[in-house]
Amino acid sequence: MYKHIIGCLLVLLVPFSGFAAYPTCDALTHLTLSTPKGNMTIKERMHDLGINGLSVALVKDFSVACTFAAGNKDTRNRHVDPSTLFQVASISKPITALAVLKLAEEGQIELTNSPNKYLTRWKLEPSNTGNTHVAITDVLNHTAGINVPSFAGYAVGTPLPTTEQILNGESPSNSPKVNITSAPKQQYQYSGGGYTVLEMLIEDVSKQSFTDYVEASILKPLGMHSSHFAQPLDSDLKEQIALGSSGRLPESGGYFNYPELAAAGMWSNAADVARLVVGIQTSAKQGMKGILTPETTKKMLTPFEDSMSGLGLVIDDMYFSHTGHNNGYVSMMLGHDSAGYGIAVLTSAEQPAIISEIIVAIGKAEKWEDF
């Protein structure tokens, strides 16, 4: 199991209002990580890799059990704490998938229909590959043959494109036009562009902004009160963030804006991402009140044919997960689909190795299945 986690990660190159405090994961202070350079603690490995900030939340018995934070938010040596916000990048996609599935449960859309049936301001152009029907489920599990795998972000202070400009590849968008480039339903083809199509679908169907619908229908019910799709970031949140670190950012740290909200735009903390893990777990389990029905959640947790791609999630046997990688940030969430345990790890650097090392060490220590 943990070999798949490592593989997935290596391809990635003032207290906050509403934050619920949890006990500290004291055991993580002395947790031993197995690294190529020998055994290290989390803080030793952070120093070794040049990681400024890191936050962890553990899930046990279908609830957030404890949190752990280490390092600094910025060069002013303001310490990371459990409420500190990080860009979680593609962990935005499971949130978007939940929103789409919620619309389906409300009877507003049919997942087997084409997105074009519901899009009013823009249309996904037909494929020239001979198979013209793309279902919403195909977009959710990255088998729609849609291009634009990821987004580069925009330097703070530069103009941000609208969703329609992103989809059309029009200035000031820095990504190509979103369209179908290979036959649907044939193969896995990861697409952030496809999730931007879903962003517009959510708005057109709900008659609300993506942010408003997701906040009311997904974030609040899950208790994710510290999570925000704010691009650009609201000024009153800037003191709460950990600045990212990469070769494309100032040496003092920083971040890019990602107006592609559904694909990459969420700011969050580890406890909130852990609540997302819990929300999926409780939805999957019969007899527990979740954000979706068990029947819908089963679809979410079912991979496409021989791939590991569910509806907005990576599926590996009994585990579901998703990674996130924006400029200066790498993160991961992982949950067992029935046993009620899991983890969220967020970092303000592009060093994914420490995430897999933490998850493997905790999985072994806690005797998680297949670790």
Foldseek 3Di string as FASTA:
>chain_A
DLVVVVVVLVVFLVFDPLDDAAAAPVVLQPQWFQDPVGTDRLVVVCVVVVFAWKKKWKWAPLATHHIYIAHAQFPVRHGADQLFKDFQFQLLQVLLLLLVLLCVVVVLDDQQAALQVQFDPDDADADPAPAGGDGNQQLLQQQQQKDAQDAAFAAPPDDDDDLVCCCCVHPPGPDHHIHHDYHGPPDHDHHLSSQSSSQSSSCSRVVDHSQVSSVVQPCVVLSQVSKGLDFVDDPVCVVRYRFFDDPVAPNRGHFGGDNSRSRGRMMGGFNSSVSVQSQLQQQCDPPGDHSHHNVSSVQQQDHRDPAQTGRSWGHDPQKTKDWRHHHRKIWMWMYGNHRTITMIMITRGSDSPSVSSVVVSVCVVVVPPPD
